[in-house]
């Protein structure tokens, strides 16, 4: 995973592209987990690792979305 170590150095355009890539990876992992669980013979360790990877992607997606969303002063 290409976790953004310093997002302040990246342009918004680059972050938007990375965001879409990470979202696609997240969806792919979700589908893979569902397929393994549906099969019924899934290796629980593999499923656990995929879920952990999916959570990591979710955190990265949230960080990028926060960076791209302008602060609203109330």
N, C-alpha and C. Protein backbone atom coordinates (compact mmCIF):
# COMPACT_ATOMS: atom_id res chain seq x y z
N UNK A 1 0.82 -1.17 0.00
CA UNK A 1 0.00 0.00 0.00
C UNK A 1 0.86 1.24 0.00
N UNK A 2 0.44 2.19 -0.75
CA UNK A 2 1.19 3.44 -0.83
C UNK A 2 0.57 4.46 0.10
N UNK A 3 0.72 4.24 1.37
CA UNK A 3 0.16 5.17 2.35
C UNK A 3 0.87 6.50 2.23
N UNK A 4 0.08 7.57 2.11
CA UNK A 4 0.69 8.89 1.98
C UNK A 4 1.38 9.29 3.28
N UNK A 5 2.69 9.38 3.26
CA UNK A 5 3.42 9.73 4.47
C UNK A 5 3.33 11.22 4.76
N UNK A 6 3.36 12.04 3.72
CA UNK A 6 3.25 13.48 3.91
C UNK A 6 2.33 14.05 2.83
N UNK A 7 1.06 14.10 3.15
CA UNK A 7 0.09 14.56 2.15
C UNK A 7 0.23 16.03 1.83
N UNK A 8 0.87 16.80 2.68
CA UNK A 8 1.00 18.23 2.43
C UNK A 8 1.88 18.51 1.22
N UNK A 9 2.69 17.53 0.82
CA UNK A 9 3.57 17.71 -0.33
C UNK A 9 2.88 17.35 -1.64
N UNK A 10 1.68 16.80 -1.57
CA UNK A 10 0.97 16.37 -2.77
C UNK A 10 -0.11 17.37 -3.15
N UNK A 11 -0.33 17.51 -4.45
CA UNK A 11 -1.39 18.41 -4.91
C UNK A 11 -2.74 17.75 -4.74
N UNK A 12 -3.79 18.56 -4.75
CA UNK A 12 -5.14 18.03 -4.61
C UNK A 12 -5.47 17.07 -5.74
N UNK A 13 -4.98 17.35 -6.92
CA UNK A 13 -5.24 16.49 -8.07
C UNK A 13 -4.64 15.10 -7.85
N UNK A 14 -3.41 15.06 -7.36
CA UNK A 14 -2.76 13.78 -7.08
C UNK A 14 -3.52 13.04 -5.99
N UNK A 15 -3.94 13.75 -4.96
CA UNK A 15 -4.70 13.13 -3.87
C UNK A 15 -6.03 12.57 -4.36
N UNK A 16 -6.69 13.27 -5.28
CA UNK A 16 -7.96 12.77 -5.81
C UNK A 16 -7.75 11.46 -6.59
N UNK A 17 -6.68 11.40 -7.36
CA UNK A 17 -6.37 10.18 -8.11
C UNK A 17 -6.07 9.04 -7.13
N UNK A 18 -5.24 9.31 -6.14
CA UNK A 18 -4.92 8.29 -5.13
C UNK A 18 -6.18 7.85 -4.39
N UNK A 19 -7.07 8.79 -4.10
CA UNK A 19 -8.31 8.48 -3.40
C UNK A 19 -9.14 7.47 -4.20
N UNK A 20 -9.25 7.70 -5.50
CA UNK A 20 -10.01 6.76 -6.33
C UNK A 20 -9.35 5.39 -6.38
N UNK A 21 -8.02 5.36 -6.44
CA UNK A 21 -7.31 4.09 -6.44
C UNK A 21 -7.55 3.34 -5.13
N UNK A 22 -7.45 4.04 -4.01
CA UNK A 22 -7.67 3.41 -2.71
C UNK A 22 -9.11 2.95 -2.55
N UNK A 23 -10.06 3.73 -3.05
CA UNK A 23 -11.47 3.32 -2.98
C UNK A 23 -11.70 2.05 -3.80
N UNK A 24 -11.09 1.98 -4.97
CA UNK A 24 -11.22 0.79 -5.81
C UNK A 24 -10.62 -0.44 -5.11
N UNK A 25 -9.45 -0.26 -4.51
CA UNK A 25 -8.82 -1.36 -3.78
C UNK A 25 -9.70 -1.81 -2.61
N UNK A 26 -10.33 -0.85 -1.94
CA UNK A 26 -11.21 -1.15 -0.82
C UNK A 26 -12.40 -1.98 -1.29
N UNK A 27 -13.00 -1.58 -2.41
CA UNK A 27 -14.13 -2.34 -2.97
C UNK A 27 -13.70 -3.74 -3.39
N UNK A 28 -12.52 -3.84 -4.01
CA UNK A 28 -12.01 -5.14 -4.44
C UNK A 28 -11.81 -6.08 -3.24
N UNK A 29 -11.25 -5.53 -2.17
CA UNK A 29 -11.05 -6.33 -0.95
C UNK A 29 -12.39 -6.77 -0.38
N UNK A 30 -13.36 -5.88 -0.40
CA UNK A 30 -14.69 -6.20 0.11
C UNK A 30 -15.29 -7.36 -0.68
N UNK A 31 -15.15 -7.31 -1.99
CA UNK A 31 -15.67 -8.39 -2.84
C UNK A 31 -14.92 -9.69 -2.61
N UNK A 32 -13.62 -9.61 -2.43
CA UNK A 32 -12.82 -10.82 -2.19
C UNK A 32 -13.20 -11.46 -0.86
N UNK A 33 -13.38 -10.64 0.17
CA UNK A 33 -13.77 -11.15 1.49
C UNK A 33 -15.14 -11.82 1.40
N UNK A 34 -16.08 -11.15 0.73
CA UNK A 34 -17.42 -11.71 0.59
C UNK A 34 -17.39 -13.03 -0.16
N UNK A 35 -16.58 -13.11 -1.21
CA UNK A 35 -16.48 -14.35 -1.98
C UNK A 35 -15.90 -15.48 -1.14
N UNK A 36 -14.87 -15.17 -0.37
CA UNK A 36 -14.26 -16.19 0.49
C UNK A 36 -15.23 -16.68 1.56
N UNK A 37 -15.95 -15.75 2.16
CA UNK A 37 -16.88 -16.12 3.21
C UNK A 37 -18.09 -16.87 2.65
N UNK A 38 -18.50 -16.51 1.46
CA UNK A 38 -19.63 -17.18 0.81
C UNK A 38 -19.29 -18.62 0.46
N UNK A 39 -18.04 -18.83 0.10
CA UNK A 39 -17.57 -20.17 -0.26
C UNK A 39 -17.65 -21.12 0.92
N UNK A 40 -17.46 -20.59 2.12
CA UNK A 40 -17.59 -21.40 3.31
C UNK A 40 -16.33 -22.14 3.72
N UNK A 41 -15.39 -22.28 2.81
CA UNK A 41 -14.15 -22.99 3.14
C UNK A 41 -12.99 -22.02 3.28
N UNK A 42 -13.31 -20.78 3.54
CA UNK A 42 -12.29 -19.74 3.60
C UNK A 42 -11.35 -19.95 4.79
N UNK A 43 -10.09 -19.70 4.55
CA UNK A 43 -9.08 -19.73 5.61
C UNK A 43 -9.29 -18.48 6.46
N UNK A 44 -9.58 -18.68 7.73
CA UNK A 44 -9.90 -17.55 8.61
C UNK A 44 -8.75 -16.57 8.76
N UNK A 45 -7.53 -17.06 8.71
CA UNK A 45 -6.38 -16.18 8.80
C UNK A 45 -6.31 -15.26 7.58
N UNK A 46 -6.58 -15.81 6.42
CA UNK A 46 -6.57 -15.01 5.20
C UNK A 46 -7.67 -13.95 5.25
N UNK A 47 -8.85 -14.34 5.67
CA UNK A 47 -9.96 -13.39 5.78
C UNK A 47 -9.61 -12.28 6.77
N UNK A 48 -9.02 -12.66 7.89
CA UNK A 48 -8.64 -11.68 8.90
C UNK A 48 -7.61 -10.68 8.35
N UNK A 49 -6.65 -11.18 7.60
CA UNK A 49 -5.63 -10.30 7.01
C UNK A 49 -6.25 -9.36 5.98
N UNK A 50 -7.16 -9.87 5.18
CA UNK A 50 -7.83 -9.03 4.18
C UNK A 50 -8.66 -7.94 4.86
N UNK A 51 -9.35 -8.30 5.95
CA UNK A 51 -10.14 -7.31 6.67
C UNK A 51 -9.26 -6.24 7.30
N UNK A 52 -8.11 -6.64 7.79
CA UNK A 52 -7.17 -5.68 8.38
C UNK A 52 -6.65 -4.72 7.30
N UNK A 53 -6.35 -5.27 6.14
CA UNK A 53 -5.89 -4.44 5.02
C UNK A 53 -6.99 -3.48 4.58
N UNK A 54 -8.23 -3.96 4.60
CA UNK A 54 -9.37 -3.12 4.23
C UNK A 54 -9.54 -1.96 5.21
N UNK A 55 -9.37 -2.24 6.51
CA UNK A 55 -9.46 -1.18 7.52
C UNK A 55 -8.35 -0.14 7.35
N UNK A 56 -7.16 -0.61 7.01
CA UNK A 56 -6.05 0.31 6.78
C UNK A 56 -6.36 1.23 5.60
N UNK A 57 -6.94 0.67 4.54
CA UNK A 57 -7.33 1.48 3.39
C UNK A 57 -8.40 2.49 3.78
N UNK A 58 -9.34 2.06 4.62
CA UNK A 58 -10.40 2.97 5.07
C UNK A 58 -9.80 4.17 5.80
N UNK A 59 -8.80 3.93 6.64
CA UNK A 59 -8.13 5.03 7.35
C UNK A 59 -7.43 5.98 6.39
N UNK A 60 -6.76 5.42 5.39
CA UNK A 60 -6.07 6.25 4.40
C UNK A 60 -7.07 7.08 3.62
N UNK A 61 -8.18 6.45 3.24
CA UNK A 61 -9.23 7.16 2.50
C UNK A 61 -9.76 8.32 3.34
N UNK A 62 -10.00 8.08 4.61
CA UNK A 62 -10.51 9.13 5.50
C UNK A 62 -9.51 10.29 5.62
N UNK A 63 -8.22 9.97 5.71
CA UNK A 63 -7.20 11.04 5.80
C UNK A 63 -7.18 11.89 4.53
N UNK A 64 -7.26 11.24 3.39
CA UNK A 64 -7.23 11.99 2.13
C UNK A 64 -8.50 12.83 1.99
N UNK A 65 -9.64 12.27 2.34
CA UNK A 65 -10.90 13.03 2.26
C UNK A 65 -10.85 14.25 3.17
N UNK A 66 -10.29 14.08 4.38
CA UNK A 66 -10.15 15.22 5.29
C UNK A 66 -9.26 16.30 4.70
N UNK A 67 -8.21 15.89 4.03
CA UNK A 67 -7.27 16.85 3.42
C UNK A 67 -7.94 17.60 2.28
N UNK A 68 -8.80 16.91 1.51
CA UNK A 68 -9.44 17.51 0.35
C UNK A 68 -10.66 18.35 0.72
N UNK A 69 -11.26 18.08 1.88
CA UNK A 69 -12.45 18.81 2.29
C UNK A 69 -12.03 20.11 2.98
N UNK A 70 -12.49 21.23 2.44
CA UNK A 70 -12.11 22.50 3.04
C UNK A 70 -12.74 22.67 4.43
N UNK A 71 -11.99 23.32 5.30
CA UNK A 71 -12.51 23.62 6.64
C UNK A 71 -13.58 24.68 6.54
N UNK A 72 -14.69 24.44 7.22
CA UNK A 72 -15.80 25.40 7.22
C UNK A 72 -15.83 26.06 8.58
N UNK A 73 -15.66 27.36 8.56
CA UNK A 73 -15.69 28.11 9.82
C UNK A 73 -17.13 28.45 10.12
N UNK A 74 -17.61 27.99 11.26
CA UNK A 74 -19.03 28.21 11.61
C UNK A 74 -19.18 29.50 12.37
